[in-house]
Amino acid sequence: MEALPGGKTLVTAHRGGIIRLWDATTGKERSSFPAHEEVAQRLAVSPNGKILATAGLDKTAKLWDAATGKELHSLEGHTGNVCWTA
Protein backbone atom coordinates (compact mmCIF):
# COMPACT_ATOMS: atom_id res chain seq x y z
CA MET A 1 0.00 0.00 0.00
CA GLU A 2 1.20 3.50 -0.88
CA ALA A 3 -0.28 6.95 -0.30
CA LEU A 4 -0.50 9.74 -2.83
CA PRO A 5 0.93 13.08 -1.64
CA GLY A 6 -1.40 14.71 0.87
CA GLY A 7 -2.38 11.34 2.32
CA LYS A 8 -6.01 11.50 1.13
CA THR A 9 -5.69 8.65 -1.36
CA LEU A 10 -4.21 5.20 -0.76
CA VAL A 11 -3.16 2.88 -3.59
CA THR A 12 -3.13 -0.92 -3.32
CA ALA A 13 -2.05 -3.76 -5.62
CA HIS A 14 -4.14 -6.94 -5.74
CA ARG A 15 -4.24 -10.50 -6.99
CA GLY A 16 -5.65 -10.60 -10.46
CA GLY A 17 -3.46 -7.62 -11.40
CA ILE A 18 -5.87 -4.92 -10.20
CA ILE A 19 -4.72 -1.55 -8.81
CA ARG A 20 -7.22 0.22 -6.53
CA LEU A 21 -7.30 3.81 -5.29
CA TRP A 22 -9.05 4.40 -1.97
CA ASP A 23 -10.35 7.45 -0.13
CA ALA A 24 -8.25 7.40 3.06
CA THR A 25 -10.95 9.22 5.03
CA THR A 26 -14.01 7.14 4.13
CA GLY A 27 -12.34 3.86 3.17
CA LYS A 28 -14.36 3.77 -0.06
CA GLU A 29 -12.84 2.76 -3.37
CA ARG A 30 -12.39 5.75 -5.69
CA SER A 31 -11.31 3.84 -8.78
CA SER A 32 -9.57 0.71 -10.01
CA PHE A 33 -7.95 -0.53 -13.19
CA PRO A 34 -6.41 -3.75 -14.50
CA ALA A 35 -2.63 -3.40 -14.43
CA HIS A 36 -1.23 -6.89 -14.96
CA GLU A 37 -2.38 -10.24 -16.33
CA GLU A 38 -1.33 -11.89 -13.07
CA VAL A 39 -0.65 -10.62 -9.54
CA ALA A 40 0.35 -6.95 -9.30
CA GLN A 41 3.17 -7.70 -6.92
CA ARG A 42 4.58 -4.25 -6.13
CA LEU A 43 3.72 -0.61 -6.59
CA ALA A 44 5.31 2.77 -6.00
CA VAL A 45 4.12 6.36 -6.29
CA SER A 46 6.24 9.14 -7.82
CA PRO A 47 7.13 12.00 -5.45
CA ASN A 48 4.61 14.31 -7.16
CA GLY A 49 1.90 11.62 -7.04
CA LYS A 50 1.21 11.76 -10.77
CA ILE A 51 2.75 8.43 -11.80
CA LEU A 52 2.36 4.93 -10.40
CA ALA A 53 4.91 2.20 -11.08
CA THR A 54 3.82 -1.43 -10.84
CA ALA A 55 5.56 -4.78 -11.15
CA GLY A 56 3.83 -8.06 -11.79
CA LEU A 57 4.15 -11.79 -11.99
CA ASP A 58 3.37 -11.42 -15.71
CA LYS A 59 7.04 -10.44 -16.23
CA THR A 60 6.29 -6.73 -16.81
CA ALA A 61 6.86 -3.43 -15.05
CA LYS A 62 4.52 -0.57 -15.98
CA LEU A 63 4.04 3.14 -15.48
CA TRP A 64 0.55 4.61 -15.05
CA ASP A 65 -1.12 8.00 -14.92
CA ALA A 66 -2.37 8.07 -11.31
CA ALA A 67 -5.32 10.34 -12.14
CA THR A 68 -6.71 8.37 -15.09
CA GLY A 69 -5.30 4.83 -14.75
CA LYS A 70 -3.99 5.12 -18.33
CA GLU A 71 -0.90 3.03 -19.07
CA LEU A 72 2.04 5.30 -19.93
CA HIS A 73 4.73 2.69 -20.57
CA SER A 74 5.28 -1.06 -20.29
CA LEU A 75 8.70 -2.62 -19.75
CA GLU A 76 8.52 -6.09 -21.28
CA GLY A 77 10.94 -8.85 -22.14
CA HIS A 78 11.88 -9.94 -18.64
CA THR A 79 12.53 -13.66 -18.28
CA GLY A 80 11.09 -13.91 -14.77
CA ASN A 81 8.70 -12.24 -12.39
CA VAL A 82 9.35 -8.54 -11.79
CA CYS A 83 9.67 -7.36 -8.21
CA TRP A 84 11.75 -5.06 -6.06
CA THR A 85 12.50 -4.62 -2.42
CA ALA A 86 12.33 -1.44 -0.40
PDB file of N, CA and C in Angstrom:
ATOM      1  N   MET A   1       0.843  -1.165   0.000  1.00  0.00           N
ATOM      2  CA  MET A   1       0.000   0.000   0.000  1.00  0.00           C
ATOM      3  C   MET A   1       0.896   1.238   0.000  1.00  0.00           C
ATOM      4  N   GLU A   2       0.502   2.222  -0.787  1.00  0.00           N
ATOM      5  CA  GLU A   2       1.197   3.496  -0.876  1.00  0.00           C
ATOM      6  C   GLU A   2       0.169   4.615  -0.753  1.00  0.00           C
ATOM      7  N   ALA A   3       0.604   5.790  -0.378  1.00  0.00           N
ATOM      8  CA  ALA A   3      -0.278   6.955  -0.299  1.00  0.00           C
ATOM      9  C   ALA A   3       0.157   7.990  -1.320  1.00  0.00           C
ATOM     10  N   LEU A   4      -0.816   8.623  -1.965  1.00  0.00           N
ATOM     11  CA  LEU A   4      -0.502   9.741  -2.830  1.00  0.00           C
ATOM     12  C   LEU A   4      -0.166  10.941  -1.943  1.00  0.00           C
ATOM     13  N   PRO A   5       0.610  11.902  -2.449  1.00  0.00           N
ATOM     14  CA  PRO A   5       0.927  13.076  -1.639  1.00  0.00           C
ATOM     15  C   PRO A   5      -0.335  13.708  -1.055  1.00  0.00           C
ATOM     16  N   GLY A   6      -0.242  14.144   0.180  1.00  0.00           N
ATOM     17  CA  GLY A   6      -1.395  14.708   0.870  1.00  0.00           C
ATOM     18  C   GLY A   6      -2.093  13.696   1.748  1.00  0.00           C
ATOM     19  N   GLY A   7      -1.851  12.397   1.480  1.00  0.00           N
ATOM     20  CA  GLY A   7      -2.381  11.342   2.324  1.00  0.00           C
ATOM     21  C   GLY A   7      -3.873  11.087   2.222  1.00  0.00           C
ATOM     22  N   LYS A   8      -4.554  11.692   1.251  1.00  0.00           N
ATOM     23  CA  LYS A   8      -6.006  11.499   1.133  1.00  0.00           C
ATOM     24  C   LYS A   8      -6.388  10.303   0.276  1.00  0.00           C
ATOM     25  N   THR A   9      -5.421   9.801  -0.494  1.00  0.00           N
ATOM     26  CA  THR A   9      -5.686   8.653  -1.360  1.00  0.00           C
ATOM     27  C   THR A   9      -4.637   7.582  -1.117  1.00  0.00           C
ATOM     28  N   LEU A  10      -5.093   6.351  -0.904  1.00  0.00           N
ATOM     29  CA  LEU A  10      -4.213   5.196  -0.762  1.00  0.00           C
ATOM     30  C   LEU A  10      -4.304   4.360  -2.028  1.00  0.00           C
ATOM     31  N   VAL A  11      -3.209   3.709  -2.395  1.00  0.00           N
ATOM     32  CA  VAL A  11      -3.163   2.876  -3.592  1.00  0.00           C
ATOM     33  C   VAL A  11      -2.729   1.476  -3.169  1.00  0.00           C
ATOM     34  N   THR A  12      -3.457   0.469  -3.653  1.00  0.00           N
ATOM     35  CA  THR A  12      -3.129  -0.918  -3.320  1.00  0.00           C
ATOM     36  C   THR A  12      -3.047  -1.761  -4.586  1.00  0.00           C
ATOM     37  N   ALA A  13      -2.198  -2.792  -4.531  1.00  0.00           N
ATOM     38  CA  ALA A  13      -2.052  -3.763  -5.617  1.00  0.00           C
ATOM     39  C   ALA A  13      -2.700  -5.060  -5.164  1.00  0.00           C
ATOM     40  N   HIS A  14      -3.353  -5.761  -6.103  1.00  0.00           N
ATOM     41  CA  HIS A  14      -4.136  -6.941  -5.742  1.00  0.00           C
ATOM     42  C   HIS A  14      -3.864  -8.125  -6.659  1.00  0.00           C
ATOM     43  N   ARG A  15      -4.250  -9.294  -6.144  1.00  0.00           N
ATOM     44  CA  ARG A  15      -4.244 -10.499  -6.988  1.00  0.00           C
ATOM     45  C   ARG A  15      -5.154 -10.223  -8.172  1.00  0.00           C
ATOM     46  N   GLY A  16      -4.872 -10.850  -9.262  1.00  0.00           N
ATOM     47  CA  GLY A  16      -5.654 -10.596 -10.462  1.00  0.00           C
ATOM     48  C   GLY A  16      -5.149  -9.374 -11.208  1.00  0.00           C
ATOM     49  N   GLY A  17      -4.084  -8.733 -10.689  1.00  0.00           N
ATOM     50  CA  GLY A  17      -3.461  -7.621 -11.395  1.00  0.00           C
ATOM     51  C   GLY A  17      -4.159  -6.280 -11.267  1.00  0.00           C
ATOM     52  N   ILE A  18      -5.075  -6.147 -10.342  1.00  0.00           N
ATOM     53  CA  ILE A  18      -5.866  -4.921 -10.197  1.00  0.00           C
ATOM     54  C   ILE A  18      -5.163  -3.924  -9.272  1.00  0.00           C
ATOM     55  N   ILE A  19      -5.182  -2.653  -9.664  1.00  0.00           N
ATOM     56  CA  ILE A  19      -4.723  -1.551  -8.815  1.00  0.00           C
ATOM     57  C   ILE A  19      -5.972  -0.798  -8.366  1.00  0.00           C
ATOM     58  N   ARG A  20      -6.059  -0.502  -7.064  1.00  0.00           N
ATOM     59  CA  ARG A  20      -7.216   0.218  -6.526  1.00  0.00           C
ATOM     60  C   ARG A  20      -6.757   1.484  -5.810  1.00  0.00           C
ATOM     61  N   LEU A  21      -7.523   2.561  -6.002  1.00  0.00           N
ATOM     62  CA  LEU A  21      -7.298   3.810  -5.294  1.00  0.00           C
ATOM     63  C   LEU A  21      -8.442   4.003  -4.315  1.00  0.00           C
ATOM     64  N   TRP A  22      -8.093   4.326  -3.058  1.00  0.00           N
ATOM     65  CA  TRP A  22      -9.055   4.402  -1.968  1.00  0.00           C
ATOM     66  C   TRP A  22      -9.069   5.794  -1.352  1.00  0.00           C
ATOM     67  N   ASP A  23     -10.232   6.227  -0.911  1.00  0.00           N
ATOM     68  CA  ASP A  23     -10.353   7.448  -0.127  1.00  0.00           C
ATOM     69  C   ASP A  23      -9.895   7.107   1.289  1.00  0.00           C
ATOM     70  N   ALA A  24      -8.812   7.735   1.747  1.00  0.00           N
ATOM     71  CA  ALA A  24      -8.249   7.401   3.061  1.00  0.00           C
ATOM     72  C   ALA A  24      -9.158   7.816   4.208  1.00  0.00           C
ATOM     73  N   THR A  25     -10.052   8.762   3.971  1.00  0.00           N
ATOM     74  CA  THR A  25     -10.950   9.219   5.028  1.00  0.00           C
ATOM     75  C   THR A  25     -12.149   8.307   5.198  1.00  0.00           C
ATOM     76  N   THR A  26     -12.777   7.938   4.075  1.00  0.00           N
ATOM     77  CA  THR A  26     -14.010   7.144   4.131  1.00  0.00           C
ATOM     78  C   THR A  26     -13.768   5.650   3.994  1.00  0.00           C
ATOM     79  N   GLY A  27     -12.620   5.266   3.418  1.00  0.00           N
ATOM     80  CA  GLY A  27     -12.341   3.859   3.168  1.00  0.00           C
ATOM     81  C   GLY A  27     -13.019   3.326   1.924  1.00  0.00           C
ATOM     82  N   LYS A  28     -13.665   4.202   1.153  1.00  0.00           N
ATOM     83  CA  LYS A  28     -14.357   3.769  -0.063  1.00  0.00           C
ATOM     84  C   LYS A  28     -13.412   3.789  -1.262  1.00  0.00           C
ATOM     85  N   GLU A  29     -13.634   2.829  -2.157  1.00  0.00           N
ATOM     86  CA  GLU A  29     -12.839   2.755  -3.370  1.00  0.00           C
ATOM     87  C   GLU A  29     -13.202   3.921  -4.288  1.00  0.00           C
ATOM     88  N   ARG A  30     -12.173   4.635  -4.750  1.00  0.00           N
ATOM     89  CA  ARG A  30     -12.386   5.746  -5.692  1.00  0.00           C
ATOM     90  C   ARG A  30     -12.369   5.258  -7.126  1.00  0.00           C
ATOM     91  N   SER A  31     -11.413   4.372  -7.427  1.00  0.00           N
ATOM     92  CA  SER A  31     -11.305   3.837  -8.782  1.00  0.00           C
ATOM     93  C   SER A  31     -10.423   2.598  -8.758  1.00  0.00           C
ATOM     94  N   SER A  32     -10.441   1.866  -9.855  1.00  0.00           N
ATOM     95  CA  SER A  32      -9.574   0.706 -10.014  1.00  0.00           C
ATOM     96  C   SER A  32      -9.317   0.498 -11.498  1.00  0.00           C
ATOM     97  N   PHE A  33      -8.239  -0.206 -11.792  1.00  0.00           N
ATOM     98  CA  PHE A  33      -7.947  -0.530 -13.186  1.00  0.00           C
ATOM     99  C   PHE A  33      -7.088  -1.786 -13.244  1.00  0.00           C
ATOM    100  N   PRO A  34      -7.247  -2.564 -14.328  1.00  0.00           N
ATOM    101  CA  PRO A  34      -6.411  -3.752 -14.496  1.00  0.00           C
ATOM    102  C   PRO A  34      -5.005  -3.329 -14.902  1.00  0.00           C
ATOM    103  N   ALA A  35      -4.012  -3.800 -14.171  1.00  0.00           N
ATOM    104  CA  ALA A  35      -2.634  -3.397 -14.434  1.00  0.00           C
ATOM    105  C   ALA A  35      -1.786  -4.530 -15.000  1.00  0.00           C
ATOM    106  N   HIS A  36      -2.046  -5.747 -14.551  1.00  0.00           N
ATOM    107  CA  HIS A  36      -1.232  -6.895 -14.958  1.00  0.00           C
ATOM    108  C   HIS A  36      -2.125  -8.106 -15.197  1.00  0.00           C
ATOM    109  N   GLU A  37      -1.628  -9.031 -16.028  1.00  0.00           N
ATOM    110  CA  GLU A  37      -2.380 -10.242 -16.326  1.00  0.00           C
ATOM    111  C   GLU A  37      -2.388 -11.194 -15.135  1.00  0.00           C
ATOM    112  N   GLU A  38      -1.402 -11.081 -14.279  1.00  0.00           N
ATOM    113  CA  GLU A  38      -1.329 -11.892 -13.066  1.00  0.00           C
ATOM    114  C   GLU A  38      -1.222 -10.946 -11.874  1.00  0.00           C
ATOM    115  N   VAL A  39      -0.740 -11.424 -10.762  1.00  0.00           N
ATOM    116  CA  VAL A  39      -0.655 -10.619  -9.539  1.00  0.00           C
ATOM    117  C   VAL A  39       0.157  -9.342  -9.770  1.00  0.00           C
ATOM    118  N   ALA A  40      -0.394  -8.208  -9.354  1.00  0.00           N
ATOM    119  CA  ALA A  40       0.355  -6.949  -9.302  1.00  0.00           C
ATOM    120  C   ALA A  40       1.125  -7.000  -7.993  1.00  0.00           C
ATOM    121  N   GLN A  41       2.383  -7.345  -8.091  1.00  0.00           N
ATOM    122  CA  GLN A  41       3.169  -7.702  -6.921  1.00  0.00           C
ATOM    123  C   GLN A  41       3.677  -6.506  -6.126  1.00  0.00           C
ATOM    124  N   ARG A  42       4.045  -5.430  -6.798  1.00  0.00           N
ATOM    125  CA  ARG A  42       4.579  -4.251  -6.130  1.00  0.00           C
ATOM    126  C   ARG A  42       4.055  -2.990  -6.797  1.00  0.00           C
ATOM    127  N   LEU A  43       4.063  -1.899  -6.021  1.00  0.00           N
ATOM    128  CA  LEU A  43       3.716  -0.605  -6.594  1.00  0.00           C
ATOM    129  C   LEU A  43       4.474   0.487  -5.870  1.00  0.00           C
ATOM    130  N   ALA A  44       4.667   1.600  -6.570  1.00  0.00           N
ATOM    131  CA  ALA A  44       5.312   2.774  -5.996  1.00  0.00           C
ATOM    132  C   ALA A  44       4.656   4.007  -6.600  1.00  0.00           C
ATOM    133  N   VAL A  45       4.708   5.097  -5.856  1.00  0.00           N
ATOM    134  CA  VAL A  45       4.124   6.363  -6.286  1.00  0.00           C
ATOM    135  C   VAL A  45       5.261   7.362  -6.483  1.00  0.00           C
ATOM    136  N   SER A  46       5.229   8.109  -7.595  1.00  0.00           N
ATOM    137  CA  SER A  46       6.243   9.137  -7.818  1.00  0.00           C
ATOM    138  C   SER A  46       6.117  10.219  -6.754  1.00  0.00           C
ATOM    139  N   PRO A  47       7.184  10.958  -6.484  1.00  0.00           N
ATOM    140  CA  PRO A  47       7.132  12.000  -5.448  1.00  0.00           C
ATOM    141  C   PRO A  47       6.019  13.033  -5.654  1.00  0.00           C
ATOM    142  N   ASN A  48       5.685  13.332  -6.908  1.00  0.00           N
ATOM    143  CA  ASN A  48       4.614  14.305  -7.156  1.00  0.00           C
ATOM    144  C   ASN A  48       3.230  13.664  -7.194  1.00  0.00           C
ATOM    145  N   GLY A  49       3.167  12.328  -7.077  1.00  0.00           N
ATOM    146  CA  GLY A  49       1.896  11.618  -7.040  1.00  0.00           C
ATOM    147  C   GLY A  49       1.205  11.456  -8.372  1.00  0.00           C
ATOM    148  N   LYS A  50       1.858  11.821  -9.453  1.00  0.00           N
ATOM    149  CA  LYS A  50       1.208  11.764 -10.768  1.00  0.00           C
ATOM    150  C   LYS A  50       1.417  10.443 -11.497  1.00  0.00           C
ATOM    151  N   ILE A  51       2.435   9.690 -11.105  1.00  0.00           N
ATOM    152  CA  ILE A  51       2.749   8.434 -11.795  1.00  0.00           C
ATOM    153  C   ILE A  51       2.834   7.297 -10.790  1.00  0.00           C
ATOM    154  N   LEU A  52       2.242   6.160 -11.166  1.00  0.00           N
ATOM    155  CA  LEU A  52       2.358   4.930 -10.395  1.00  0.00           C
ATOM    156  C   LEU A  52       3.259   3.973 -11.178  1.00  0.00           C
ATOM    157  N   ALA A  53       4.100   3.260 -10.483  1.00  0.00           N
ATOM    158  CA  ALA A  53       4.909   2.202 -11.079  1.00  0.00           C
ATOM    159  C   ALA A  53       4.453   0.889 -10.475  1.00  0.00           C
ATOM    160  N   THR A  54       4.245  -0.120 -11.322  1.00  0.00           N
ATOM    161  CA  THR A  54       3.822  -1.425 -10.835  1.00  0.00           C
ATOM    162  C   THR A  54       4.724  -2.512 -11.408  1.00  0.00           C
ATOM    163  N   ALA A  55       4.811  -3.615 -10.689  1.00  0.00           N
ATOM    164  CA  ALA A  55       5.564  -4.779 -11.145  1.00  0.00           C
ATOM    165  C   ALA A  55       4.683  -5.996 -10.935  1.00  0.00           C
ATOM    166  N   GLY A  56       4.728  -6.924 -11.878  1.00  0.00           N
ATOM    167  CA  GLY A  56       3.831  -8.059 -11.786  1.00  0.00           C
ATOM    168  C   GLY A  56       4.470  -9.395 -12.058  1.00  0.00           C
ATOM    169  N   LEU A  57       3.716 -10.427 -11.713  1.00  0.00           N
ATOM    170  CA  LEU A  57       4.147 -11.788 -11.986  1.00  0.00           C
ATOM    171  C   LEU A  57       4.023 -12.128 -13.468  1.00  0.00           C
ATOM    172  N   ASP A  58       3.474 -11.209 -14.266  1.00  0.00           N
ATOM    173  CA  ASP A  58       3.365 -11.418 -15.713  1.00  0.00           C
ATOM    174  C   ASP A  58       4.636 -10.987 -16.446  1.00  0.00           C
ATOM    175  N   LYS A  59       5.721 -10.780 -15.692  1.00  0.00           N
ATOM    176  CA  LYS A  59       7.036 -10.439 -16.235  1.00  0.00           C
ATOM    177  C   LYS A  59       7.097  -9.040 -16.839  1.00  0.00           C
ATOM    178  N   THR A  60       6.275  -8.112 -16.329  1.00  0.00           N
ATOM    179  CA  THR A  60       6.294  -6.733 -16.806  1.00  0.00           C
ATOM    180  C   THR A  60       6.379  -5.755 -15.638  1.00  0.00           C
ATOM    181  N   ALA A  61       6.913  -4.592 -15.938  1.00  0.00           N
ATOM    182  CA  ALA A  61       6.859  -3.432 -15.053  1.00  0.00           C
ATOM    183  C   ALA A  61       6.175  -2.343 -15.872  1.00  0.00           C
ATOM    184  N   LYS A  62       5.289  -1.560 -15.232  1.00  0.00           N
ATOM    185  CA  LYS A  62       4.516  -0.575 -15.981  1.00  0.00           C
ATOM    186  C   LYS A  62       4.435   0.751 -15.241  1.00  0.00           C
ATOM    187  N   LEU A  63       4.274   1.811 -16.021  1.00  0.00           N
ATOM    188  CA  LEU A  63       4.045   3.145 -15.481  1.00  0.00           C
ATOM    189  C   LEU A  63       2.637   3.574 -15.847  1.00  0.00           C
ATOM    190  N   TRP A  64       1.954   4.240 -14.901  1.00  0.00           N
ATOM    191  CA  TRP A  64       0.548   4.608 -15.052  1.00  0.00           C
ATOM    192  C   TRP A  64       0.312   6.060 -14.682  1.00  0.00           C
ATOM    193  N   ASP A  65      -0.640   6.685 -15.332  1.00  0.00           N
ATOM    194  CA  ASP A  65      -1.119   7.998 -14.917  1.00  0.00           C
ATOM    195  C   ASP A  65      -2.005   7.768 -13.700  1.00  0.00           C
ATOM    196  N   ALA A  66      -1.632   8.317 -12.555  1.00  0.00           N
ATOM    197  CA  ALA A  66      -2.370   8.065 -11.311  1.00  0.00           C
ATOM    198  C   ALA A  66      -3.785   8.639 -11.354  1.00  0.00           C
ATOM    199  N   ALA A  67      -4.002   9.705 -12.092  1.00  0.00           N
ATOM    200  CA  ALA A  67      -5.323  10.337 -12.138  1.00  0.00           C
ATOM    201  C   ALA A  67      -6.306   9.579 -13.024  1.00  0.00           C
ATOM    202  N   THR A  68      -5.800   8.992 -14.118  1.00  0.00           N
ATOM    203  CA  THR A  68      -6.707   8.371 -15.087  1.00  0.00           C
ATOM    204  C   THR A  68      -6.610   6.851 -15.138  1.00  0.00           C
ATOM    205  N   GLY A  69      -5.508   6.273 -14.634  1.00  0.00           N
ATOM    206  CA  GLY A  69      -5.296   4.833 -14.754  1.00  0.00           C
ATOM    207  C   GLY A  69      -4.813   4.432 -16.134  1.00  0.00           C
ATOM    208  N   LYS A  70      -4.465   5.407 -16.976  1.00  0.00           N
ATOM    209  CA  LYS A  70      -3.986   5.120 -18.327  1.00  0.00           C
ATOM    210  C   LYS A  70      -2.538   4.640 -18.268  1.00  0.00           C
ATOM    211  N   GLU A  71      -2.254   3.554 -19.003  1.00  0.00           N
ATOM    212  CA  GLU A  71      -0.897   3.032 -19.065  1.00  0.00           C
ATOM    213  C   GLU A  71      -0.019   3.998 -19.858  1.00  0.00           C
ATOM    214  N   LEU A  72       1.108   4.391 -19.267  1.00  0.00           N
ATOM    215  CA  LEU A  72       2.042   5.301 -19.930  1.00  0.00           C
ATOM    216  C   LEU A  72       3.169   4.554 -20.617  1.00  0.00           C
ATOM    217  N   HIS A  73       3.615   3.441 -20.003  1.00  0.00           N
ATOM    218  CA  HIS A  73       4.729   2.693 -20.569  1.00  0.00           C
ATOM    219  C   HIS A  73       4.767   1.292 -19.965  1.00  0.00           C
ATOM    220  N   SER A  74       5.133   0.315 -20.771  1.00  0.00           N
ATOM    221  CA  SER A  74       5.283  -1.058 -20.293  1.00  0.00           C
ATOM    222  C   SER A  74       6.693  -1.541 -20.596  1.00  0.00           C
ATOM    223  N   LEU A  75       7.364  -2.054 -19.589  1.00  0.00           N
ATOM    224  CA  LEU A  75       8.697  -2.622 -19.748  1.00  0.00           C
ATOM    225  C   LEU A  75       8.538  -4.140 -19.833  1.00  0.00           C
ATOM    226  N   GLU A  76       8.745  -4.669 -21.017  1.00  0.00           N
ATOM    227  CA  GLU A  76       8.523  -6.089 -21.278  1.00  0.00           C
ATOM    228  C   GLU A  76       9.822  -6.777 -21.650  1.00  0.00           C
ATOM    229  N   GLY A  77       9.786  -8.080 -21.735  1.00  0.00           N
ATOM    230  CA  GLY A  77      10.944  -8.854 -22.143  1.00  0.00           C
ATOM    231  C   GLY A  77      11.714  -9.481 -21.001  1.00  0.00           C
ATOM    232  N   HIS A  78      11.237  -9.311 -19.772  1.00  0.00           N
ATOM    233  CA  HIS A  78      11.882  -9.944 -18.636  1.00  0.00           C
ATOM    234  C   HIS A  78      11.689 -11.454 -18.719  1.00  0.00           C
ATOM    235  N   THR A  79      12.637 -12.208 -18.214  1.00  0.00           N
ATOM    236  CA  THR A  79      12.534 -13.660 -18.280  1.00  0.00           C
ATOM    237  C   THR A  79      11.930 -14.260 -17.022  1.00  0.00           C
ATOM    238  N   GLY A  80      11.690 -13.438 -16.016  1.00  0.00           N
ATOM    239  CA  GLY A  80      11.094 -13.909 -14.773  1.00  0.00           C
ATOM    240  C   GLY A  80      10.168 -12.856 -14.208  1.00  0.00           C
ATOM    241  N   ASN A  81       9.589 -13.171 -13.066  1.00  0.00           N
ATOM    242  CA  ASN A  81       8.704 -12.238 -12.392  1.00  0.00           C
ATOM    243  C   ASN A  81       9.453 -10.947 -12.082  1.00  0.00           C
ATOM    244  N   VAL A  82       8.745  -9.834 -12.099  1.00  0.00           N
ATOM    245  CA  VAL A  82       9.352  -8.542 -11.794  1.00  0.00           C
ATOM    246  C   VAL A  82       8.955  -8.130 -10.397  1.00  0.00           C
ATOM    247  N   CYS A  83       9.936  -7.841  -9.563  1.00  0.00           N
ATOM    248  CA  CYS A  83       9.670  -7.362  -8.213  1.00  0.00           C
ATOM    249  C   CYS A  83      10.840  -6.506  -7.768  1.00  0.00           C
ATOM    250  N   TRP A  84      10.667  -5.810  -6.669  1.00  0.00           N
ATOM    251  CA  TRP A  84      11.755  -5.060  -6.059  1.00  0.00           C
ATOM    252  C   TRP A  84      11.549  -5.034  -4.580  1.00  0.00           C
ATOM    253  N   THR A  85      12.595  -4.706  -3.870  1.00  0.00           N
ATOM    254  CA  THR A  85      12.503  -4.623  -2.416  1.00  0.00           C
ATOM    255  C   THR A  85      12.754  -3.185  -1.993  1.00  0.00           C
ATOM    256  N   ALA A  86      12.165  -2.814  -0.888  1.00  0.00           N
ATOM    257  CA  ALA A  86      12.328  -1.442  -0.405  1.00  0.00           C
ATOM    258  C   ALA A  86      13.624  -1.293   0.335  1.00  0.00           C
TER     259      ALA A  86
END
